[in-house]
C-alpha atoms as a PDB file:
ATOM      1  CA  MET A   1     -26.651 -13.103 -10.254  1.00  0.00           C
ATOM      2  CA  PRO A   2     -28.041 -14.998  -7.042  1.00  0.00           C
ATOM      3  CA  HIS A   3     -30.889 -16.498  -9.006  1.00  0.00           C
ATOM      4  CA  ILE A   4     -28.468 -18.685 -11.190  1.00  0.00           C
ATOM      5  CA  LYS A   5     -29.025 -22.408 -10.563  1.00  0.00           C
ATOM      6  CA  THR A   6     -27.143 -24.009 -13.254  1.00  0.00           C
ATOM      7  CA  LEU A   7     -23.510 -23.566 -14.638  1.00  0.00           C
ATOM      8  CA  ILE A   8     -22.796 -25.066 -18.048  1.00  0.00           C
ATOM      9  CA  PHE A   9     -19.189 -25.070 -19.112  1.00  0.00           C
ATOM     10  CA  ASP A  10     -17.108 -25.765 -22.411  1.00  0.00           C
ATOM     11  CA  LEU A  11     -14.092 -27.677 -22.026  1.00  0.00           C
ATOM     12  CA  ASP A  12     -11.178 -27.112 -24.329  1.00  0.00           C
ATOM     13  CA  GLY A  13     -10.150 -23.577 -23.693  1.00  0.00           C
ATOM     14  CA  THR A  14     -12.319 -23.153 -20.880  1.00  0.00           C
ATOM     15  CA  LEU A  15     -11.592 -25.711 -18.203  1.00  0.00           C
ATOM     16  CA  LEU A  16      -8.437 -27.466 -19.778  1.00  0.00           C
ATOM     17  CA  ASP A  17      -5.598 -26.281 -21.562  1.00  0.00           C
ATOM     18  CA  THR A  18      -5.590 -29.024 -24.136  1.00  0.00           C
ATOM     19  CA  LEU A  19      -3.611 -27.079 -26.919  1.00  0.00           C
ATOM     20  CA  GLY A  20      -0.230 -28.829 -26.506  1.00  0.00           C
ATOM     21  CA  ASP A  21      -1.666 -32.346 -26.614  1.00  0.00           C
ATOM     22  CA  ILE A  22      -3.824 -31.408 -29.665  1.00  0.00           C
ATOM     23  CA  THR A  23      -0.870 -29.764 -31.475  1.00  0.00           C
ATOM     24  CA  HIS A  24       1.345 -32.666 -30.855  1.00  0.00           C
ATOM     25  CA  SER A  25      -1.362 -35.209 -32.181  1.00  0.00           C
ATOM     26  CA  VAL A  26      -2.027 -32.823 -35.203  1.00  0.00           C
ATOM     27  CA  ASN A  27       1.683 -32.918 -36.227  1.00  0.00           C
ATOM     28  CA  TYR A  28       2.005 -36.633 -35.531  1.00  0.00           C
ATOM     29  CA  THR A  29      -1.074 -36.887 -37.941  1.00  0.00           C
ATOM     30  CA  LEU A  30       0.449 -34.578 -40.695  1.00  0.00           C
ATOM     31  CA  ASN A  31       3.771 -36.671 -40.471  1.00  0.00           C
ATOM     32  CA  LYS A  32       1.923 -39.910 -41.057  1.00  0.00           C
ATOM     33  CA  LEU A  33       0.353 -38.339 -43.841  1.00  0.00           C
ATOM     34  CA  LYS A  34       3.528 -37.037 -45.296  1.00  0.00           C
ATOM     35  CA  LEU A  35       2.592 -33.463 -44.709  1.00  0.00           C
ATOM     36  CA  LYS A  36       4.388 -30.500 -43.081  1.00  0.00           C
ATOM     37  CA  PRO A  37       3.877 -29.726 -39.527  1.00  0.00           C
ATOM     38  CA  ILE A  38       1.885 -26.592 -38.425  1.00  0.00           C
ATOM     39  CA  GLU A  39       2.431 -24.152 -35.602  1.00  0.00           C
ATOM     40  CA  THR A  40       0.541 -24.266 -32.258  1.00  0.00           C
ATOM     41  CA  ASN A  41      -1.018 -20.715 -32.854  1.00  0.00           C
ATOM     42  CA  LEU A  42      -2.533 -22.028 -36.144  1.00  0.00           C
ATOM     43  CA  VAL A  43      -4.059 -25.143 -34.205  1.00  0.00           C
ATOM     44  CA  ARG A  44      -5.347 -22.713 -31.584  1.00  0.00           C
ATOM     45  CA  LYS A  45      -7.257 -20.394 -34.306  1.00  0.00           C
ATOM     46  CA  TYR A  46      -8.922 -23.600 -35.858  1.00  0.00           C
ATOM     47  CA  LEU A  47     -10.192 -25.097 -32.664  1.00  0.00           C
ATOM     48  CA  GLY A  48     -13.679 -25.072 -31.323  1.00  0.00           C
ATOM     49  CA  HIS A  49     -15.912 -26.730 -34.086  1.00  0.00           C
ATOM     50  CA  GLY A  50     -15.118 -30.363 -33.549  1.00  0.00           C
ATOM     51  CA  ALA A  51     -12.511 -32.544 -35.089  1.00  0.00           C
ATOM     52  CA  THR A  52     -13.646 -32.859 -38.763  1.00  0.00           C
ATOM     53  CA  ALA A  53     -13.873 -29.197 -39.034  1.00  0.00           C
ATOM     54  CA  LEU A  54     -10.454 -28.824 -37.630  1.00  0.00           C
ATOM     55  CA  TRP A  55      -9.214 -31.060 -40.108  1.00  0.00           C
ATOM     56  CA  LYS A  56     -10.922 -29.369 -43.004  1.00  0.00           C
ATOM     57  CA  LYS A  57      -9.393 -26.350 -42.033  1.00  0.00           C
ATOM     58  CA  ILE A  58      -5.505 -27.593 -41.517  1.00  0.00           C
ATOM     59  CA  LEU A  59      -5.926 -29.758 -45.033  1.00  0.00           C
ATOM     60  CA  ASP A  60      -7.400 -26.567 -46.740  1.00  0.00           C
ATOM     61  CA  GLY A  61      -9.144 -27.765 -49.740  1.00  0.00           C
ATOM     62  CA  GLN A  62      -7.671 -31.550 -49.633  1.00  0.00           C
ATOM     63  CA  ASN A  63     -10.922 -32.773 -48.506  1.00  0.00           C
ATOM     64  CA  LYS A  64     -10.080 -36.671 -49.740  1.00  0.00           C
ATOM     65  CA  LEU A  65      -7.673 -36.530 -46.913  1.00  0.00           C
ATOM     66  CA  VAL A  66      -9.862 -35.642 -44.056  1.00  0.00           C
ATOM     67  CA  ASP A  67     -11.175 -39.131 -43.189  1.00  0.00           C
ATOM     68  CA  ASP A  68      -7.651 -40.613 -43.165  1.00  0.00           C
ATOM     69  CA  ALA A  69      -6.508 -37.879 -40.989  1.00  0.00           C
ATOM     70  CA  LEU A  70      -9.368 -38.406 -38.389  1.00  0.00           C
ATOM     71  CA  ALA A  71      -8.529 -42.156 -38.488  1.00  0.00           C
ATOM     72  CA  ILE A  72      -4.989 -41.605 -37.459  1.00  0.00           C
ATOM     73  CA  TYR A  73      -5.762 -38.373 -35.287  1.00  0.00           C
ATOM     74  CA  LEU A  74      -8.730 -39.305 -32.931  1.00  0.00           C
ATOM     75  CA  PRO A  75      -6.995 -42.720 -31.597  1.00  0.00           C
ATOM     76  CA  TYR A  76      -3.618 -41.251 -31.236  1.00  0.00           C
ATOM     77  CA  LEU A  77      -5.203 -37.982 -29.527  1.00  0.00           C
ATOM     78  CA  GLU A  78      -7.461 -40.430 -26.976  1.00  0.00           C
ATOM     79  CA  LYS A  79      -4.157 -42.109 -25.849  1.00  0.00           C
ATOM     80  CA  HIS A  80      -2.170 -38.936 -25.796  1.00  0.00           C
ATOM     81  CA  SER A  81      -4.534 -36.447 -24.115  1.00  0.00           C
ATOM     82  CA  LYS A  82      -3.230 -36.257 -20.749  1.00  0.00           C
ATOM     83  CA  ILE A  83       0.282 -35.265 -21.238  1.00  0.00           C
ATOM     84  CA  LEU A  84       0.656 -31.935 -21.440  1.00  0.00           C
ATOM     85  CA  THR A  85      -3.028 -30.886 -20.806  1.00  0.00           C
ATOM     86  CA  LYS A  86      -4.013 -29.695 -17.372  1.00  0.00           C
ATOM     87  CA  PRO A  87      -6.791 -27.374 -15.944  1.00  0.00           C
ATOM     88  CA  TYR A  88      -6.456 -23.674 -16.240  1.00  0.00           C
ATOM     89  CA  PRO A  89      -5.271 -21.799 -13.045  1.00  0.00           C
ATOM     90  CA  GLY A  90      -8.102 -21.676 -10.475  1.00  0.00           C
ATOM     91  CA  ILE A  91     -10.487 -23.834 -12.250  1.00  0.00           C
ATOM     92  CA  MET A  92     -10.131 -26.685  -9.912  1.00  0.00           C
ATOM     93  CA  ASP A  93     -10.997 -24.294  -6.856  1.00  0.00           C
ATOM     94  CA  LEU A  94     -13.752 -22.929  -8.760  1.00  0.00           C
ATOM     95  CA  LEU A  95     -15.376 -26.157  -9.472  1.00  0.00           C
ATOM     96  CA  LEU A  96     -15.080 -27.443  -5.784  1.00  0.00           C
ATOM     97  CA  LYS A  97     -16.880 -24.316  -4.646  1.00  0.00           C
ATOM     98  CA  VAL A  98     -19.617 -24.338  -7.017  1.00  0.00           C
ATOM     99  CA  LYS A  99     -20.028 -28.201  -6.647  1.00  0.00           C
ATOM    100  CA  GLY A 100     -23.003 -29.172  -4.674  1.00  0.00           C
ATOM    101  CA  LYS A 101     -24.485 -25.339  -4.870  1.00  0.00           C
ATOM    102  CA  TYR A 102     -25.189 -25.507  -8.434  1.00  0.00           C
ATOM    103  CA  ARG A 103     -26.303 -27.972 -11.031  1.00  0.00           C
ATOM    104  CA  LEU A 104     -23.062 -28.452 -13.009  1.00  0.00           C
ATOM    105  CA  ALA A 105     -23.203 -29.497 -16.797  1.00  0.00           C
ATOM    106  CA  LEU A 106     -20.370 -29.652 -19.294  1.00  0.00           C
ATOM    107  CA  ILE A 107     -20.992 -29.260 -23.271  1.00  0.00           C
ATOM    108  CA  SER A 108     -18.453 -29.830 -25.920  1.00  0.00           C
ATOM    109  CA  ASN A 109     -17.746 -30.359 -29.492  1.00  0.00           C
ATOM    110  CA  LYS A 110     -15.356 -33.134 -28.743  1.00  0.00           C
ATOM    111  CA  HIS A 111     -16.403 -36.622 -29.447  1.00  0.00           C
ATOM    112  CA  GLN A 112     -18.676 -38.043 -26.595  1.00  0.00           C
ATOM    113  CA  LYS A 113     -16.330 -41.010 -25.983  1.00  0.00           C
ATOM    114  CA  ALA A 114     -13.204 -38.859 -25.923  1.00  0.00           C
ATOM    115  CA  LEU A 115     -15.011 -36.130 -23.728  1.00  0.00           C
ATOM    116  CA  GLU A 116     -16.119 -38.792 -21.202  1.00  0.00           C
ATOM    117  CA  HIS A 117     -12.463 -40.267 -21.211  1.00  0.00           C
ATOM    118  CA  VAL A 118     -10.908 -36.839 -20.488  1.00  0.00           C
ATOM    119  CA  VAL A 119     -13.560 -35.651 -18.042  1.00  0.00           C
ATOM    120  CA  GLU A 120     -13.159 -39.054 -15.820  1.00  0.00           C
ATOM    121  CA  TYR A 121      -9.816 -38.241 -15.820  1.00  0.00           C
ATOM    122  CA  TYR A 122      -9.584 -34.641 -14.857  1.00  0.00           C
ATOM    123  CA  PHE A 123     -12.753 -33.953 -13.162  1.00  0.00           C
ATOM    124  CA  LYS A 124     -14.387 -37.182 -11.648  1.00  0.00           C
ATOM    125  CA  ASP A 125     -17.581 -36.805 -10.123  1.00  0.00           C
ATOM    126  CA  ILE A 126     -17.975 -33.205 -10.857  1.00  0.00           C
ATOM    127  CA  PHE A 127     -20.589 -32.677 -13.442  1.00  0.00           C
ATOM    128  CA  ASP A 128     -24.097 -33.906 -13.463  1.00  0.00           C
ATOM    129  CA  VAL A 129     -24.204 -34.271 -17.187  1.00  0.00           C
ATOM    130  CA  VAL A 130     -21.474 -34.220 -19.886  1.00  0.00           C
ATOM    131  CA  ILE A 131     -22.692 -33.773 -23.493  1.00  0.00           C
ATOM    132  CA  GLY A 132     -20.116 -34.254 -26.564  1.00  0.00           C
ATOM    133  CA  GLU A 133     -20.500 -34.790 -30.208  1.00  0.00           C
ATOM    134  CA  SER A 134     -22.827 -37.670 -31.104  1.00  0.00           C
ATOM    135  CA  PRO A 135     -25.637 -38.450 -33.442  1.00  0.00           C
ATOM    136  CA  ASN A 136     -28.116 -37.245 -30.776  1.00  0.00           C
ATOM    137  CA  PHE A 137     -26.792 -33.990 -30.544  1.00  0.00           C
ATOM    138  CA  PRO A 138     -25.759 -31.311 -33.124  1.00  0.00           C
ATOM    139  CA  LYS A 139     -22.587 -29.379 -32.448  1.00  0.00           C
ATOM    140  CA  LYS A 140     -22.249 -26.168 -31.044  1.00  0.00           C
ATOM    141  CA  PRO A 141     -23.451 -23.362 -31.638  1.00  0.00           C
ATOM    142  CA  ASN A 142     -26.732 -25.436 -32.169  1.00  0.00           C
ATOM    143  CA  PRO A 143     -28.547 -24.787 -28.966  1.00  0.00           C
ATOM    144  CA  GLN A 144     -29.996 -28.131 -28.654  1.00  0.00           C
ATOM    145  CA  SER A 145     -27.536 -29.736 -25.995  1.00  0.00           C
ATOM    146  CA  LEU A 146     -27.759 -26.451 -24.063  1.00  0.00           C
ATOM    147  CA  LEU A 147     -31.607 -26.580 -23.994  1.00  0.00           C
ATOM    148  CA  TYR A 148     -31.713 -30.100 -23.254  1.00  0.00           C
ATOM    149  CA  VAL A 149     -29.597 -29.546 -20.026  1.00  0.00           C
ATOM    150  CA  LEU A 150     -32.342 -26.874 -19.086  1.00  0.00           C
ATOM    151  CA  SER A 151     -35.101 -29.402 -19.646  1.00  0.00           C
ATOM    152  CA  LEU A 152     -32.900 -32.354 -17.708  1.00  0.00           C
ATOM    153  CA  PHE A 153     -32.889 -29.858 -14.681  1.00  0.00           C
ATOM    154  CA  ASN A 154     -36.185 -28.562 -15.107  1.00  0.00           C
ATOM    155  CA  GLN A 155     -35.109 -25.030 -15.122  1.00  0.00           C
ATOM    156  CA  ASN A 156     -35.743 -21.876 -17.220  1.00  0.00           C
ATOM    157  CA  ARG A 157     -33.248 -19.965 -19.520  1.00  0.00           C
ATOM    158  CA  GLY A 158     -32.826 -17.330 -16.715  1.00  0.00           C
ATOM    159  CA  ASP A 159     -31.860 -19.964 -14.086  1.00  0.00           C
ATOM    160  CA  ALA A 160     -28.421 -20.639 -16.274  1.00  0.00           C
ATOM    161  CA  LEU A 161     -25.053 -19.412 -17.230  1.00  0.00           C
ATOM    162  CA  PHE A 162     -22.884 -20.616 -19.855  1.00  0.00           C
ATOM    163  CA  ILE A 163     -19.049 -20.219 -19.705  1.00  0.00           C
ATOM    164  CA  GLY A 164     -16.973 -20.676 -22.569  1.00  0.00           C
ATOM    165  CA  ASP A 165     -13.893 -19.202 -24.584  1.00  0.00           C
ATOM    166  CA  SER A 166     -14.895 -18.903 -28.154  1.00  0.00           C
ATOM    167  CA  GLU A 167     -17.398 -17.358 -30.707  1.00  0.00           C
ATOM    168  CA  VAL A 168     -18.620 -20.810 -30.926  1.00  0.00           C
ATOM    169  CA  ASP A 169     -19.703 -20.986 -27.152  1.00  0.00           C
ATOM    170  CA  ILE A 170     -21.114 -17.355 -26.950  1.00  0.00           C
ATOM    171  CA  ASN A 171     -23.500 -18.070 -30.033  1.00  0.00           C
ATOM    172  CA  THR A 172     -24.466 -21.312 -28.411  1.00  0.00           C
ATOM    173  CA  ALA A 173     -25.647 -19.491 -25.610  1.00  0.00           C
ATOM    174  CA  LYS A 174     -27.276 -16.374 -27.528  1.00  0.00           C
ATOM    175  CA  ASN A 175     -29.048 -19.006 -29.658  1.00  0.00           C
ATOM    176  CA  ALA A 176     -30.574 -20.628 -26.550  1.00  0.00           C
ATOM    177  CA  LYS A 177     -31.258 -16.990 -25.016  1.00  0.00           C
ATOM    178  CA  VAL A 178     -28.883 -17.970 -21.986  1.00  0.00           C
ATOM    179  CA  ASP A 179     -26.541 -15.515 -20.486  1.00  0.00           C
ATOM    180  CA  VAL A 180     -22.773 -16.171 -21.314  1.00  0.00           C
ATOM    181  CA  ILE A 181     -19.363 -15.368 -19.824  1.00  0.00           C
ATOM    182  CA  GLY A 182     -16.611 -15.196 -22.346  1.00  0.00           C
ATOM    183  CA  VAL A 183     -13.122 -16.245 -20.622  1.00  0.00           C
ATOM    184  CA  SER A 184      -9.825 -14.478 -21.895  1.00  0.00           C
ATOM    185  CA  TRP A 185      -7.461 -17.271 -21.267  1.00  0.00           C
ATOM    186  CA  GLY A 186      -8.589 -19.735 -23.909  1.00  0.00           C
ATOM    187  CA  PHE A 187      -8.167 -20.367 -27.650  1.00  0.00           C
ATOM    188  CA  ARG A 188      -9.290 -16.876 -28.557  1.00  0.00           C
ATOM    189  CA  ASP A 189      -7.838 -13.435 -28.136  1.00  0.00           C
ATOM    190  CA  LEU A 190      -9.726 -11.050 -25.993  1.00  0.00           C
ATOM    191  CA  GLU A 191     -10.450  -8.873 -28.907  1.00  0.00           C
ATOM    192  CA  ASP A 192     -12.061 -11.860 -30.642  1.00  0.00           C
ATOM    193  CA  ILE A 193     -14.369 -12.452 -27.559  1.00  0.00           C
ATOM    194  CA  LEU A 194     -15.346  -8.973 -27.030  1.00  0.00           C
ATOM    195  CA  LYS A 195     -16.443  -8.707 -30.846  1.00  0.00           C
ATOM    196  CA  GLU A 196     -18.991 -11.387 -30.066  1.00  0.00           C
ATOM    197  CA  LYS A 197     -20.651  -9.347 -27.127  1.00  0.00           C
ATOM    198  CA  PRO A 198     -21.071 -11.982 -24.499  1.00  0.00           C
ATOM    199  CA  ASN A 199     -22.844 -10.662 -21.356  1.00  0.00           C
ATOM    200  CA  TYR A 200     -19.775 -10.735 -19.336  1.00  0.00           C
ATOM    201  CA  VAL A 201     -15.992 -11.215 -19.844  1.00  0.00           C
ATOM    202  CA  VAL A 202     -13.757 -12.598 -17.113  1.00  0.00           C
ATOM    203  CA  GLN A 203      -9.884 -12.413 -16.786  1.00  0.00           C
ATOM    204  CA  ASN A 204      -9.580 -15.343 -14.114  1.00  0.00           C
ATOM    205  CA  ALA A 205     -11.596 -18.075 -12.917  1.00  0.00           C
ATOM    206  CA  SER A 206     -12.419 -16.520  -9.497  1.00  0.00           C
ATOM    207  CA  GLU A 207     -14.227 -13.567 -11.508  1.00  0.00           C
ATOM    208  CA  ILE A 208     -16.957 -16.050 -12.305  1.00  0.00           C
ATOM    209  CA  LEU A 209     -18.070 -16.330  -8.638  1.00  0.00           C
ATOM    210  CA  LYS A 210     -18.989 -12.637  -8.574  1.00  0.00           C
ATOM    211  CA  PHE A 211     -21.464 -13.234 -11.278  1.00  0.00           C
ATOM    212  CA  ILE A 212     -23.107 -15.986  -9.436  1.00  0.00           C
ATOM    213  CA  GLY A 213     -23.653 -14.151  -6.110  1.00  0.00           C
ATOM    214  CA  GLU A 214     -20.800 -16.310  -4.358  1.00  0.00           C
END
């Protein structure tokens, strides 16, 4: 795909393995609410739709507690987001190889401020634009943020490739009519990714290069 000019990435589960820090912060919050902890695999299953959706699933009908949970969880996670978190194998090599050759964007359902904080720490000066959850952009799978990136770079749908680890990312790309790579190492099992029928599926970061003509 040598015509590709822009690579658009998801963050959690695609570039960064954030599951350990998120699970720790979730269980810290549950402890503060005097509720039982939950297992990592359950947190993994619930991720991808943003913090509010995460807590609605965790609390399972106890919606009155969602705001209380978020008030504890979000500031705690922000302060404890760089303990266990690390880029997945091969990600830094991939980003350094494509930096300067392609326009690079990052679109996440993480809150904008928290997203900027994490990206500044792990991927300083890598991305041309970083878009998180904010009043300006609805969350994925709404395609508005992706289409905004294309307009910002003055590019067409065929110029871009979206890379993500979940049904949220795949549907975001499909809604924008942009080709999408599903990665197998993130917050969803491979069979879940295949069900969503992305254009391509990769098993490791270096495989992405073959789809962009590198």
